[in-house]
Amino acid sequence: MTYNSRRATELSKWAEDLERDNAFHDAVFRAYFAEGLNIADVAVLKDLCQGLGLDPDEAERVLTERTYEQAVNDDWAYSRKVGVTAVPTFLASGRSVVGAQPYDMLEKLVRLAMEKGQNYCELT
C-alpha cells in the first residue's frame, strides 16, 4: 500500500522542534515498512507519538491546525530548487546521489565534498 506521508512529514517537523525527530522518523519508518500501517491516519500517528513519549493530543492539534504546513512547503521548495526528484537523495558540495546506495558510494560522495573544502552534506 502507498499512503500519503504529508501528515507524518508535518508531524516530523514538530518532533524536530522537540528534539525527537530521529526517534519519530524511526517509528514512522518501522510503522510503514515493517508493520504496513497507514502513516496518513491521525490515530496511527498519535499512537506512534504516545509510544515515543510525545503528547498525542498535542500531535493531533499540530495536524489539525497545520502548524508546520509552511515549514514542510519550504522544505519541498528547497528540494525542488536543488534538483531533488526522489527520496532518498544525498547532496554534498553540488553533487548528488539518488536512491539506496552502498556505503562506499556515500563515502565517496562525502570524500569528494571534503576534498573541495566543503564541510557540509545534506540528506533529504
PDB file of N, CA and C in Angstrom:
ATOM      1  N   MET A   1       0.837  -1.176   0.000  1.00  0.00           N
ATOM      2  CA  MET A   1       0.000   0.000   0.000  1.00  0.00           C
ATOM      3  C   MET A   1       0.885   1.244   0.000  1.00  0.00           C
ATOM      4  N   THR A   2       0.393   2.254  -0.651  1.00  0.00           N
ATOM      5  CA  THR A   2       1.067   3.548  -0.652  1.00  0.00           C
ATOM      6  C   THR A   2       0.173   4.545   0.063  1.00  0.00           C
ATOM      7  N   TYR A   3       0.731   5.229   1.048  1.00  0.00           N
ATOM      8  CA  TYR A   3      -0.025   6.214   1.806  1.00  0.00           C
ATOM      9  C   TYR A   3       0.637   7.575   1.665  1.00  0.00           C
ATOM     10  N   ASN A   4      -0.174   8.619   1.706  1.00  0.00           N
ATOM     11  CA  ASN A   4       0.333   9.972   1.640  1.00  0.00           C
ATOM     12  C   ASN A   4       1.069  10.270   2.953  1.00  0.00           C
ATOM     13  N   SER A   5       2.303  10.702   2.853  1.00  0.00           N
ATOM     14  CA  SER A   5       3.127  10.930   4.050  1.00  0.00           C
ATOM     15  C   SER A   5       3.116  12.387   4.508  1.00  0.00           C
ATOM     16  N   ARG A   6       2.262  13.218   3.942  1.00  0.00           N
ATOM     17  CA  ARG A   6       2.258  14.643   4.285  1.00  0.00           C
ATOM     18  C   ARG A   6       2.037  14.870   5.786  1.00  0.00           C
ATOM     19  N   ARG A   7       1.055  14.228   6.375  1.00  0.00           N
ATOM     20  CA  ARG A   7       0.793  14.415   7.810  1.00  0.00           C
ATOM     21  C   ARG A   7       2.003  13.980   8.641  1.00  0.00           C
ATOM     22  N   ALA A   8       2.565  12.853   8.299  1.00  0.00           N
ATOM     23  CA  ALA A   8       3.746  12.377   9.026  1.00  0.00           C
ATOM     24  C   ALA A   8       4.902  13.362   8.873  1.00  0.00           C
ATOM     25  N   THR A   9       5.025  13.954   7.703  1.00  0.00           N
ATOM     26  CA  THR A   9       6.094  14.920   7.469  1.00  0.00           C
ATOM     27  C   THR A   9       5.887  16.178   8.303  1.00  0.00           C
ATOM     28  N   GLU A  10       4.652  16.653   8.374  1.00  0.00           N
ATOM     29  CA  GLU A  10       4.372  17.832   9.192  1.00  0.00           C
ATOM     30  C   GLU A  10       4.614  17.520  10.669  1.00  0.00           C
ATOM     31  N   LEU A  11       4.216  16.336  11.092  1.00  0.00           N
ATOM     32  CA  LEU A  11       4.428  15.957  12.488  1.00  0.00           C
ATOM     33  C   LEU A  11       5.926  15.775  12.770  1.00  0.00           C
ATOM     34  N   SER A  12       6.664  15.374  11.784  1.00  0.00           N
ATOM     35  CA  SER A  12       8.107  15.239  11.928  1.00  0.00           C
ATOM     36  C   SER A  12       8.770  16.579  12.234  1.00  0.00           C
ATOM     37  N   LYS A  13       8.275  17.647  11.632  1.00  0.00           N
ATOM     38  CA  LYS A  13       8.818  18.983  11.921  1.00  0.00           C
ATOM     39  C   LYS A  13       8.544  19.361  13.377  1.00  0.00           C
ATOM     40  N   TRP A  14       7.391  18.987  13.890  1.00  0.00           N
ATOM     41  CA  TRP A  14       7.066  19.215  15.294  1.00  0.00           C
ATOM     42  C   TRP A  14       8.031  18.428  16.183  1.00  0.00           C
ATOM     43  N   ALA A  15       8.233  17.157  15.843  1.00  0.00           N
ATOM     44  CA  ALA A  15       9.154  16.316  16.617  1.00  0.00           C
ATOM     45  C   ALA A  15      10.570  16.890  16.561  1.00  0.00           C
ATOM     46  N   GLU A  16      10.923  17.481  15.444  1.00  0.00           N
ATOM     47  CA  GLU A  16      12.240  18.116  15.316  1.00  0.00           C
ATOM     48  C   GLU A  16      12.381  19.255  16.330  1.00  0.00           C
ATOM     49  N   ASP A  17      11.358  20.075  16.461  1.00  0.00           N
ATOM     50  CA  ASP A  17      11.384  21.163  17.441  1.00  0.00           C
ATOM     51  C   ASP A  17      11.526  20.642  18.873  1.00  0.00           C
ATOM     52  N   LEU A  18      11.052  19.417  19.099  1.00  0.00           N
ATOM     53  CA  LEU A  18      11.143  18.797  20.426  1.00  0.00           C
ATOM     54  C   LEU A  18      12.404  17.941  20.573  1.00  0.00           C
ATOM     55  N   GLU A  19      13.259  17.994  19.545  1.00  0.00           N
ATOM     56  CA  GLU A  19      14.493  17.201  19.509  1.00  0.00           C
ATOM     57  C   GLU A  19      14.224  15.700  19.603  1.00  0.00           C
ATOM     58  N   ARG A  20      13.130  15.280  18.979  1.00  0.00           N
ATOM     59  CA  ARG A  20      12.749  13.862  18.961  1.00  0.00           C
ATOM     60  C   ARG A  20      12.563  13.370  17.535  1.00  0.00           C
ATOM     61  N   ASP A  21      13.086  14.132  16.561  1.00  0.00           N
ATOM     62  CA  ASP A  21      12.846  13.800  15.161  1.00  0.00           C
ATOM     63  C   ASP A  21      13.462  12.472  14.745  1.00  0.00           C
ATOM     64  N   ASN A  22      14.645  12.127  15.242  1.00  0.00           N
ATOM     65  CA  ASN A  22      15.237  10.839  14.861  1.00  0.00           C
ATOM     66  C   ASN A  22      14.376   9.675  15.339  1.00  0.00           C
ATOM     67  N   ALA A  23      13.918   9.750  16.574  1.00  0.00           N
ATOM     68  CA  ALA A  23      13.052   8.688  17.102  1.00  0.00           C
ATOM     69  C   ALA A  23      11.743   8.644  16.321  1.00  0.00           C
ATOM     70  N   PHE A  24      11.197   9.804  15.993  1.00  0.00           N
ATOM     71  CA  PHE A  24       9.947   9.846  15.242  1.00  0.00           C
ATOM     72  C   PHE A  24      10.134   9.262  13.848  1.00  0.00           C
ATOM     73  N   HIS A  25      11.222   9.650  13.172  1.00  0.00           N
ATOM     74  CA  HIS A  25      11.494   9.104  11.829  1.00  0.00           C
ATOM     75  C   HIS A  25      11.595   7.586  11.875  1.00  0.00           C
ATOM     76  N   ASP A  26      12.325   7.070  12.862  1.00  0.00           N
ATOM     77  CA  ASP A  26      12.474   5.618  13.001  1.00  0.00           C
ATOM     78  C   ASP A  26      11.122   4.937  13.210  1.00  0.00           C
ATOM     79  N   ALA A  27      10.283   5.544  14.052  1.00  0.00           N
ATOM     80  CA  ALA A  27       8.974   4.956  14.347  1.00  0.00           C
ATOM     81  C   ALA A  27       8.078   4.958  13.109  1.00  0.00           C
ATOM     82  N   VAL A  28       8.094   6.049  12.354  1.00  0.00           N
ATOM     83  CA  VAL A  28       7.271   6.122  11.141  1.00  0.00           C
ATOM     84  C   VAL A  28       7.785   5.133  10.097  1.00  0.00           C
ATOM     85  N   PHE A  29       9.097   5.056   9.949  1.00  0.00           N
ATOM     86  CA  PHE A  29       9.692   4.113   9.002  1.00  0.00           C
ATOM     87  C   PHE A  29       9.270   2.684   9.342  1.00  0.00           C
ATOM     88  N   ARG A  30       9.409   2.322  10.610  1.00  0.00           N
ATOM     89  CA  ARG A  30       9.046   0.973  11.063  1.00  0.00           C
ATOM     90  C   ARG A  30       7.551   0.715  10.872  1.00  0.00           C
ATOM     91  N   ALA A  31       6.735   1.719  11.219  1.00  0.00           N
ATOM     92  CA  ALA A  31       5.282   1.567  11.085  1.00  0.00           C
ATOM     93  C   ALA A  31       4.900   1.303   9.631  1.00  0.00           C
ATOM     94  N   TYR A  32       5.487   2.042   8.722  1.00  0.00           N
ATOM     95  CA  TYR A  32       5.125   1.916   7.310  1.00  0.00           C
ATOM     96  C   TYR A  32       5.734   0.669   6.670  1.00  0.00           C
ATOM     97  N   PHE A  33       7.051   0.531   6.791  1.00  0.00           N
ATOM     98  CA  PHE A  33       7.733  -0.526   6.046  1.00  0.00           C
ATOM     99  C   PHE A  33       7.683  -1.889   6.731  1.00  0.00           C
ATOM    100  N   ALA A  34       7.687  -1.934   8.039  1.00  0.00           N
ATOM    101  CA  ALA A  34       7.699  -3.223   8.732  1.00  0.00           C
ATOM    102  C   ALA A  34       6.312  -3.686   9.137  1.00  0.00           C
ATOM    103  N   GLU A  35       5.466  -2.720   9.523  1.00  0.00           N
ATOM    104  CA  GLU A  35       4.153  -3.088  10.037  1.00  0.00           C
ATOM    105  C   GLU A  35       3.015  -2.816   9.058  1.00  0.00           C
ATOM    106  N   GLY A  36       3.300  -2.140   7.965  1.00  0.00           N
ATOM    107  CA  GLY A  36       2.286  -1.862   6.956  1.00  0.00           C
ATOM    108  C   GLY A  36       1.179  -0.933   7.418  1.00  0.00           C
ATOM    109  N   LEU A  37       1.483  -0.054   8.369  1.00  0.00           N
ATOM    110  CA  LEU A  37       0.466   0.860   8.896  1.00  0.00           C
ATOM    111  C   LEU A  37       0.289   2.071   7.986  1.00  0.00           C
ATOM    112  N   ASN A  38      -0.885   2.647   8.055  1.00  0.00           N
ATOM    113  CA  ASN A  38      -1.222   3.825   7.256  1.00  0.00           C
ATOM    114  C   ASN A  38      -0.715   5.073   7.972  1.00  0.00           C
ATOM    115  N   ILE A  39       0.401   5.617   7.525  1.00  0.00           N
ATOM    116  CA  ILE A  39       1.000   6.775   8.173  1.00  0.00           C
ATOM    117  C   ILE A  39       0.291   8.083   7.813  1.00  0.00           C
ATOM    118  N   ALA A  40      -0.792   7.998   7.085  1.00  0.00           N
ATOM    119  CA  ALA A  40      -1.641   9.163   6.844  1.00  0.00           C
ATOM    120  C   ALA A  40      -2.775   9.229   7.865  1.00  0.00           C
ATOM    121  N   ASP A  41      -2.959   8.173   8.618  1.00  0.00           N
ATOM    122  CA  ASP A  41      -4.040   8.069   9.598  1.00  0.00           C
ATOM    123  C   ASP A  41      -3.634   8.775  10.897  1.00  0.00           C
ATOM    124  N   VAL A  42      -4.424   9.741  11.313  1.00  0.00           N
ATOM    125  CA  VAL A  42      -4.116  10.511  12.522  1.00  0.00           C
ATOM    126  C   VAL A  42      -4.016   9.601  13.743  1.00  0.00           C
ATOM    127  N   ALA A  43      -4.888   8.616  13.857  1.00  0.00           N
ATOM    128  CA  ALA A  43      -4.847   7.709  15.001  1.00  0.00           C
ATOM    129  C   ALA A  43      -3.527   6.940  15.047  1.00  0.00           C
ATOM    130  N   VAL A  44      -3.044   6.513  13.901  1.00  0.00           N
ATOM    131  CA  VAL A  44      -1.757   5.804  13.833  1.00  0.00           C
ATOM    132  C   VAL A  44      -0.638   6.735  14.284  1.00  0.00           C
ATOM    133  N   LEU A  45      -0.650   7.960  13.796  1.00  0.00           N
ATOM    134  CA  LEU A  45       0.387   8.915  14.161  1.00  0.00           C
ATOM    135  C   LEU A  45       0.341   9.256  15.649  1.00  0.00           C
ATOM    136  N   LYS A  46      -0.856   9.382  16.183  1.00  0.00           N
ATOM    137  CA  LYS A  46      -0.981   9.651  17.622  1.00  0.00           C
ATOM    138  C   LYS A  46      -0.437   8.485  18.440  1.00  0.00           C
ATOM    139  N   ASP A  47      -0.716   7.263  18.009  1.00  0.00           N
ATOM    140  CA  ASP A  47      -0.193   6.090  18.713  1.00  0.00           C
ATOM    141  C   ASP A  47       1.336   6.068  18.677  1.00  0.00           C
ATOM    142  N   LEU A  48       1.905   6.408  17.515  1.00  0.00           N
ATOM    143  CA  LEU A  48       3.360   6.461  17.407  1.00  0.00           C
ATOM    144  C   LEU A  48       3.930   7.500  18.376  1.00  0.00           C
ATOM    145  N   CYS A  49       3.292   8.653  18.431  1.00  0.00           N
ATOM    146  CA  CYS A  49       3.740   9.706  19.346  1.00  0.00           C
ATOM    147  C   CYS A  49       3.669   9.235  20.788  1.00  0.00           C
ATOM    148  N   GLN A  50       2.561   8.627  21.149  1.00  0.00           N
ATOM    149  CA  GLN A  50       2.389   8.130  22.519  1.00  0.00           C
ATOM    150  C   GLN A  50       3.509   7.161  22.871  1.00  0.00           C
ATOM    151  N   GLY A  51       3.829   6.272  21.949  1.00  0.00           N
ATOM    152  CA  GLY A  51       4.886   5.302  22.183  1.00  0.00           C
ATOM    153  C   GLY A  51       6.258   5.932  22.350  1.00  0.00           C
ATOM    154  N   LEU A  52       6.407   7.162  21.870  1.00  0.00           N
ATOM    155  CA  LEU A  52       7.686   7.871  21.987  1.00  0.00           C
ATOM    156  C   LEU A  52       7.699   8.859  23.148  1.00  0.00           C
ATOM    157  N   GLY A  53       6.594   8.899  23.887  1.00  0.00           N
ATOM    158  CA  GLY A  53       6.513   9.850  24.988  1.00  0.00           C
ATOM    159  C   GLY A  53       6.151  11.255  24.551  1.00  0.00           C
ATOM    160  N   LEU A  54       5.664  11.389  23.330  1.00  0.00           N
ATOM    161  CA  LEU A  54       5.189  12.684  22.831  1.00  0.00           C
ATOM    162  C   LEU A  54       3.688  12.766  23.073  1.00  0.00           C
ATOM    163  N   ASP A  55       3.206  13.934  23.387  1.00  0.00           N
ATOM    164  CA  ASP A  55       1.797  14.139  23.706  1.00  0.00           C
ATOM    165  C   ASP A  55       0.925  13.906  22.466  1.00  0.00           C
ATOM    166  N   PRO A  56       0.109  12.850  22.452  1.00  0.00           N
ATOM    167  CA  PRO A  56      -0.707  12.556  21.276  1.00  0.00           C
ATOM    168  C   PRO A  56      -1.772  13.622  21.010  1.00  0.00           C
ATOM    169  N   ASP A  57      -2.295  14.254  22.047  1.00  0.00           N
ATOM    170  CA  ASP A  57      -3.289  15.313  21.841  1.00  0.00           C
ATOM    171  C   ASP A  57      -2.647  16.546  21.210  1.00  0.00           C
ATOM    172  N   GLU A  58      -1.435  16.843  21.629  1.00  0.00           N
ATOM    173  CA  GLU A  58      -0.698  17.960  21.017  1.00  0.00           C
ATOM    174  C   GLU A  58      -0.376  17.627  19.558  1.00  0.00           C
ATOM    175  N   ALA A  59      -0.032  16.382  19.294  1.00  0.00           N
ATOM    176  CA  ALA A  59       0.232  15.959  17.919  1.00  0.00           C
ATOM    177  C   ALA A  59      -1.008  16.159  17.054  1.00  0.00           C
ATOM    178  N   GLU A  60      -2.163  15.796  17.580  1.00  0.00           N
ATOM    179  CA  GLU A  60      -3.403  15.984  16.824  1.00  0.00           C
ATOM    180  C   GLU A  60      -3.670  17.471  16.571  1.00  0.00           C
ATOM    181  N   ARG A  61      -3.407  18.302  17.577  1.00  0.00           N
ATOM    182  CA  ARG A  61      -3.592  19.738  17.412  1.00  0.00           C
ATOM    183  C   ARG A  61      -2.666  20.274  16.315  1.00  0.00           C
ATOM    184  N   VAL A  62      -1.415  19.836  16.329  1.00  0.00           N
ATOM    185  CA  VAL A  62      -0.445  20.255  15.312  1.00  0.00           C
ATOM    186  C   VAL A  62      -0.951  19.884  13.914  1.00  0.00           C
ATOM    187  N   LEU A  63      -1.523  18.699  13.786  1.00  0.00           N
ATOM    188  CA  LEU A  63      -2.043  18.253  12.488  1.00  0.00           C
ATOM    189  C   LEU A  63      -3.305  19.008  12.100  1.00  0.00           C
ATOM    190  N   THR A  64      -4.197  19.205  13.045  1.00  0.00           N
ATOM    191  CA  THR A  64      -5.465  19.883  12.758  1.00  0.00           C
ATOM    192  C   THR A  64      -5.234  21.341  12.368  1.00  0.00           C
ATOM    193  N   GLU A  65      -4.341  22.003  13.100  1.00  0.00           N
ATOM    194  CA  GLU A  65      -4.074  23.413  12.840  1.00  0.00           C
ATOM    195  C   GLU A  65      -3.058  23.635  11.729  1.00  0.00           C
ATOM    196  N   ARG A  66      -2.474  22.547  11.251  1.00  0.00           N
ATOM    197  CA  ARG A  66      -1.477  22.600  10.177  1.00  0.00           C
ATOM    198  C   ARG A  66      -0.312  23.517  10.555  1.00  0.00           C
ATOM    199  N   THR A  67       0.124  23.394  11.792  1.00  0.00           N
ATOM    200  CA  THR A  67       1.153  24.251  12.371  1.00  0.00           C
ATOM    201  C   THR A  67       2.445  24.263  11.565  1.00  0.00           C
ATOM    202  N   TYR A  68       2.802  23.140  10.993  1.00  0.00           N
ATOM    203  CA  TYR A  68       4.078  23.018  10.276  1.00  0.00           C
ATOM    204  C   TYR A  68       3.895  22.922   8.757  1.00  0.00           C
ATOM    205  N   GLU A  69       2.735  23.283   8.272  1.00  0.00           N
ATOM    206  CA  GLU A  69       2.466  23.228   6.834  1.00  0.00           C
ATOM    207  C   GLU A  69       3.479  24.058   6.046  1.00  0.00           C
ATOM    208  N   GLN A  70       3.711  25.293   6.464  1.00  0.00           N
ATOM    209  CA  GLN A  70       4.625  26.155   5.723  1.00  0.00           C
ATOM    210  C   GLN A  70       6.065  25.661   5.804  1.00  0.00           C
ATOM    211  N   ALA A  71       6.460  25.138   6.941  1.00  0.00           N
ATOM    212  CA  ALA A  71       7.818  24.611   7.082  1.00  0.00           C
ATOM    213  C   ALA A  71       8.054  23.456   6.106  1.00  0.00           C
ATOM    214  N   VAL A  72       7.055  22.586   5.956  1.00  0.00           N
ATOM    215  CA  VAL A  72       7.183  21.476   5.010  1.00  0.00           C
ATOM    216  C   VAL A  72       7.155  22.006   3.580  1.00  0.00           C
ATOM    217  N   ASN A  73       6.291  22.966   3.303  1.00  0.00           N
ATOM    218  CA  ASN A  73       6.275  23.579   1.965  1.00  0.00           C
ATOM    219  C   ASN A  73       7.641  24.164   1.628  1.00  0.00           C
ATOM    220  N   ASP A  74       8.257  24.834   2.598  1.00  0.00           N
ATOM    221  CA  ASP A  74       9.585  25.417   2.379  1.00  0.00           C
ATOM    222  C   ASP A  74      10.626  24.339   2.100  1.00  0.00           C
ATOM    223  N   ASP A  75      10.567  23.236   2.845  1.00  0.00           N
ATOM    224  CA  ASP A  75      11.496  22.126   2.605  1.00  0.00           C
ATOM    225  C   ASP A  75      11.321  21.559   1.205  1.00  0.00           C
ATOM    226  N   TRP A  76      10.068  21.390   0.777  1.00  0.00           N
ATOM    227  CA  TRP A  76       9.819  20.842  -0.550  1.00  0.00           C
ATOM    228  C   TRP A  76      10.279  21.811  -1.637  1.00  0.00           C
ATOM    229  N   ALA A  77      10.068  23.115  -1.427  1.00  0.00           N
ATOM    230  CA  ALA A  77      10.522  24.117  -2.405  1.00  0.00           C
ATOM    231  C   ALA A  77      12.045  24.074  -2.523  1.00  0.00           C
ATOM    232  N   TYR A  78      12.728  23.970  -1.394  1.00  0.00           N
ATOM    233  CA  TYR A  78      14.187  23.876  -1.416  1.00  0.00           C
ATOM    234  C   TYR A  78      14.624  22.615  -2.171  1.00  0.00           C
ATOM    235  N   SER A  79      13.962  21.517  -1.921  1.00  0.00           N
ATOM    236  CA  SER A  79      14.311  20.265  -2.600  1.00  0.00           C
ATOM    237  C   SER A  79      14.167  20.397  -4.109  1.00  0.00           C
ATOM    238  N   ARG A  80      13.076  21.015  -4.541  1.00  0.00           N
ATOM    239  CA  ARG A  80      12.899  21.242  -5.981  1.00  0.00           C
ATOM    240  C   ARG A  80      14.004  22.140  -6.522  1.00  0.00           C
ATOM    241  N   LYS A  81      14.347  23.173  -5.780  1.00  0.00           N
ATOM    242  CA  LYS A  81      15.373  24.132  -6.204  1.00  0.00           C
ATOM    243  C   LYS A  81      16.723  23.455  -6.431  1.00  0.00           C
ATOM    244  N   VAL A  82      17.076  22.513  -5.576  1.00  0.00           N
ATOM    245  CA  VAL A  82      18.376  21.849  -5.710  1.00  0.00           C
ATOM    246  C   VAL A  82      18.308  20.575  -6.555  1.00  0.00           C
ATOM    247  N   GLY A  83      17.140  20.301  -7.140  1.00  0.00           N
ATOM    248  CA  GLY A  83      17.025  19.198  -8.086  1.00  0.00           C
ATOM    249  C   GLY A  83      16.680  17.845  -7.522  1.00  0.00           C
ATOM    250  N   VAL A  84      16.179  17.795  -6.310  1.00  0.00           N
ATOM    251  CA  VAL A  84      15.780  16.504  -5.737  1.00  0.00           C
ATOM    252  C   VAL A  84      14.520  16.019  -6.444  1.00  0.00           C
ATOM    253  N   THR A  85      14.592  14.806  -6.953  1.00  0.00           N
ATOM    254  CA  THR A  85      13.447  14.215  -7.645  1.00  0.00           C
ATOM    255  C   THR A  85      12.991  12.903  -7.016  1.00  0.00           C
ATOM    256  N   ALA A  86      13.753  12.419  -6.041  1.00  0.00           N
ATOM    257  CA  ALA A  86      13.420  11.145  -5.405  1.00  0.00           C
ATOM    258  C   ALA A  86      14.004  11.131  -3.999  1.00  0.00           C
ATOM    259  N   VAL A  87      13.474  10.235  -3.182  1.00  0.00           N
ATOM    260  CA  VAL A  87      13.953  10.067  -1.821  1.00  0.00           C
ATOM    261  C   VAL A  87      14.444   8.636  -1.668  1.00  0.00           C
ATOM    262  N   PRO A  88      15.603   8.439  -1.099  1.00  0.00           N
ATOM    263  CA  PRO A  88      16.489   9.454  -0.554  1.00  0.00           C
ATOM    264  C   PRO A  88      17.370  10.070  -1.642  1.00  0.00           C
ATOM    265  N   THR A  89      17.759  11.297  -1.419  1.00  0.00           N
ATOM    266  CA  THR A  89      18.774  11.970  -2.218  1.00  0.00           C
ATOM    267  C   THR A  89      19.810  12.513  -1.253  1.00  0.00           C
ATOM    268  N   PHE A  90      21.057  12.252  -1.540  1.00  0.00           N
ATOM    269  CA  PHE A  90      22.163  12.719  -0.716  1.00  0.00           C
ATOM    270  C   PHE A  90      22.875  13.819  -1.495  1.00  0.00           C
ATOM    271  N   LEU A  91      23.044  14.983  -0.890  1.00  0.00           N
ATOM    272  CA  LEU A  91      23.687  16.121  -1.530  1.00  0.00           C
ATOM    273  C   LEU A  91      24.955  16.481  -0.774  1.00  0.00           C
ATOM    274  N   ALA A  92      26.011  16.762  -1.523  1.00  0.00           N
ATOM    275  CA  ALA A  92      27.257  17.212  -0.899  1.00  0.00           C
ATOM    276  C   ALA A  92      28.039  18.004  -1.929  1.00  0.00           C
ATOM    277  N   SER A  93      28.281  19.262  -1.627  1.00  0.00           N
ATOM    278  CA  SER A  93      29.136  20.100  -2.462  1.00  0.00           C
ATOM    279  C   SER A  93      28.704  20.102  -3.932  1.00  0.00           C
ATOM    280  N   GLY A  94      27.428  20.254  -4.164  1.00  0.00           N
ATOM    281  CA  GLY A  94      26.927  20.344  -5.533  1.00  0.00           C
ATOM    282  C   GLY A  94      26.771  19.016  -6.250  1.00  0.00           C
ATOM    283  N   ARG A  95      27.096  17.938  -5.609  1.00  0.00           N
ATOM    284  CA  ARG A  95      26.928  16.598  -6.194  1.00  0.00           C
ATOM    285  C   ARG A  95      25.777  15.909  -5.488  1.00  0.00           C
ATOM    286  N   SER A  96      25.187  14.951  -6.177  1.00  0.00           N
ATOM    287  CA  SER A  96      24.106  14.213  -5.538  1.00  0.00           C
ATOM    288  C   SER A  96      24.171  12.742  -5.902  1.00  0.00           C
ATOM    289  N   VAL A  97      23.633  11.948  -5.016  1.00  0.00           N
ATOM    290  CA  VAL A  97      23.466  10.515  -5.228  1.00  0.00           C
ATOM    291  C   VAL A  97      22.014  10.223  -4.882  1.00  0.00           C
ATOM    292  N   VAL A  98      21.327   9.544  -5.778  1.00  0.00           N
ATOM    293  CA  VAL A  98      19.898   9.300  -5.613  1.00  0.00           C
ATOM    294  C   VAL A  98      19.648   7.822  -5.357  1.00  0.00           C
ATOM    295  N   GLY A  99      18.741   7.568  -4.427  1.00  0.00           N
ATOM    296  CA  GLY A  99      18.314   6.198  -4.166  1.00  0.00           C
ATOM    297  C   GLY A  99      19.177   5.501  -3.146  1.00  0.00           C
ATOM    298  N   ALA A 100      18.754   4.302  -2.802  1.00  0.00           N
ATOM    299  CA  ALA A 100      19.521   3.492  -1.857  1.00  0.00           C
ATOM    300  C   ALA A 100      20.875   3.177  -2.485  1.00  0.00           C
ATOM    301  N   GLN A 101      21.924   3.432  -1.744  1.00  0.00           N
ATOM    302  CA  GLN A 101      23.278   3.272  -2.266  1.00  0.00           C
ATOM    303  C   GLN A 101      24.122   2.483  -1.280  1.00  0.00           C
ATOM    304  N   PRO A 102      25.110   1.785  -1.789  1.00  0.00           N
ATOM    305  CA  PRO A 102      26.029   1.107  -0.877  1.00  0.00           C
ATOM    306  C   PRO A 102      26.869   2.135  -0.113  1.00  0.00           C
ATOM    307  N   TYR A 103      27.354   1.725   1.023  1.00  0.00           N
ATOM    308  CA  TYR A 103      28.134   2.608   1.885  1.00  0.00           C
ATOM    309  C   TYR A 103      29.297   3.261   1.140  1.00  0.00           C
ATOM    310  N   ASP A 104      30.005   2.488   0.325  1.00  0.00           N
ATOM    311  CA  ASP A 104      31.186   3.042  -0.350  1.00  0.00           C
ATOM    312  C   ASP A 104      30.828   4.188  -1.291  1.00  0.00           C
ATOM    313  N   MET A 105      29.638   4.165  -1.874  1.00  0.00           N
ATOM    314  CA  MET A 105      29.212   5.260  -2.748  1.00  0.00           C
ATOM    315  C   MET A 105      28.975   6.533  -1.928  1.00  0.00           C
ATOM    316  N   LEU A 106      28.345   6.381  -0.772  1.00  0.00           N
ATOM    317  CA  LEU A 106      28.106   7.541   0.092  1.00  0.00           C
ATOM    318  C   LEU A 106      29.419   8.075   0.650  1.00  0.00           C
ATOM    319  N   GLU A 107      30.312   7.171   0.997  1.00  0.00           N
ATOM    320  CA  GLU A 107      31.626   7.582   1.491  1.00  0.00           C
ATOM    321  C   GLU A 107      32.374   8.380   0.420  1.00  0.00           C
ATOM    322  N   LYS A 108      32.287   7.940  -0.819  1.00  0.00           N
ATOM    323  CA  LYS A 108      32.935   8.645  -1.926  1.00  0.00           C
ATOM    324  C   LYS A 108      32.342  10.052  -2.092  1.00  0.00           C
ATOM    325  N   LEU A 109      31.036  10.164  -1.994  1.00  0.00           N
ATOM    326  CA  LEU A 109      30.378  11.469  -2.098  1.00  0.00           C
ATOM    327  C   LEU A 109      30.898  12.426  -1.021  1.00  0.00           C
ATOM    328  N   VAL A 110      30.976  11.953   0.202  1.00  0.00           N
ATOM    329  CA  VAL A 110      31.460  12.790   1.300  1.00  0.00           C
ATOM    330  C   VAL A 110      32.938  13.124   1.105  1.00  0.00           C
ATOM    331  N   ARG A 111      33.721  12.153   0.703  1.00  0.00           N
ATOM    332  CA  ARG A 111      35.144  12.389   0.486  1.00  0.00           C
ATOM    333  C   ARG A 111      35.353  13.459  -0.587  1.00  0.00           C
ATOM    334  N   LEU A 112      34.614  13.390  -1.687  1.00  0.00           N
ATOM    335  CA  LEU A 112      34.736  14.404  -2.742  1.00  0.00           C
ATOM    336  C   LEU A 112      34.361  15.789  -2.216  1.00  0.00           C
ATOM    337  N   ALA A 113      33.328  15.856  -1.395  1.00  0.00           N
ATOM    338  CA  ALA A 113      32.924  17.139  -0.818  1.00  0.00           C
ATOM    339  C   ALA A 113      34.022  17.686   0.088  1.00  0.00           C
ATOM    340  N   MET A 114      34.633  16.821   0.872  1.00  0.00           N
ATOM    341  CA  MET A 114      35.697  17.253   1.772  1.00  0.00           C
ATOM    342  C   MET A 114      36.921  17.727   0.998  1.00  0.00           C
ATOM    343  N   GLU A 115      37.225  17.077  -0.118  1.00  0.00           N
ATOM    344  CA  GLU A 115      38.354  17.484  -0.948  1.00  0.00           C
ATOM    345  C   GLU A 115      38.149  18.873  -1.528  1.00  0.00           C
ATOM    346  N   LYS A 116      36.893  19.226  -1.754  1.00  0.00           N
ATOM    347  CA  LYS A 116      36.589  20.551  -2.288  1.00  0.00           C
ATOM    348  C   LYS A 116      36.511  21.598  -1.181  1.00  0.00           C
ATOM    349  N   GLY A 117      36.810  21.178   0.043  1.00  0.00           N
ATOM    350  CA  GLY A 117      36.799  22.115   1.150  1.00  0.00           C
ATOM    351  C   GLY A 117      35.419  22.376   1.722  1.00  0.00           C
ATOM    352  N   GLN A 118      34.467  21.569   1.343  1.00  0.00           N
ATOM    353  CA  GLN A 118      33.118  21.728   1.884  1.00  0.00           C
ATOM    354  C   GLN A 118      33.016  20.923   3.163  1.00  0.00           C
ATOM    355  N   ASN A 119      32.365  21.469   4.146  1.00  0.00           N
ATOM    356  CA  ASN A 119      32.215  20.746   5.398  1.00  0.00           C
ATOM    357  C   ASN A 119      30.762  20.465   5.714  1.00  0.00           C
ATOM    358  N   TYR A 120      29.945  20.339   4.678  1.00  0.00           N
ATOM    359  CA  TYR A 120      28.551  20.041   4.920  1.00  0.00           C
ATOM    360  C   TYR A 120      28.035  19.034   3.907  1.00  0.00           C
ATOM    361  N   CYS A 121      27.061  18.305   4.340  1.00  0.00           N
ATOM    362  CA  CYS A 121      26.330  17.385   3.483  1.00  0.00           C
ATOM    363  C   CYS A 121      24.885  17.492   3.896  1.00  0.00           C
ATOM    364  N   GLU A 122      23.993  17.186   3.000  1.00  0.00           N
ATOM    365  CA  GLU A 122      22.580  17.227   3.293  1.00  0.00           C
ATOM    366  C   GLU A 122      21.972  15.887   2.938  1.00  0.00           C
ATOM    367  N   LEU A 123      20.908  15.566   3.634  1.00  0.00           N
ATOM    368  CA  LEU A 123      20.189  14.320   3.411  1.00  0.00           C
ATOM    369  C   LEU A 123      18.716  14.663   3.318  1.00  0.00           C
ATOM    370  N   THR A 124      18.097  14.316   2.209  1.00  0.00           N
ATOM    371  CA  THR A 124      16.657  14.585   2.057  1.00  0.00           C
ATOM    372  C   THR A 124      15.926  13.313   1.752  1.00  0.00           C
TER     373      THR A 124
END
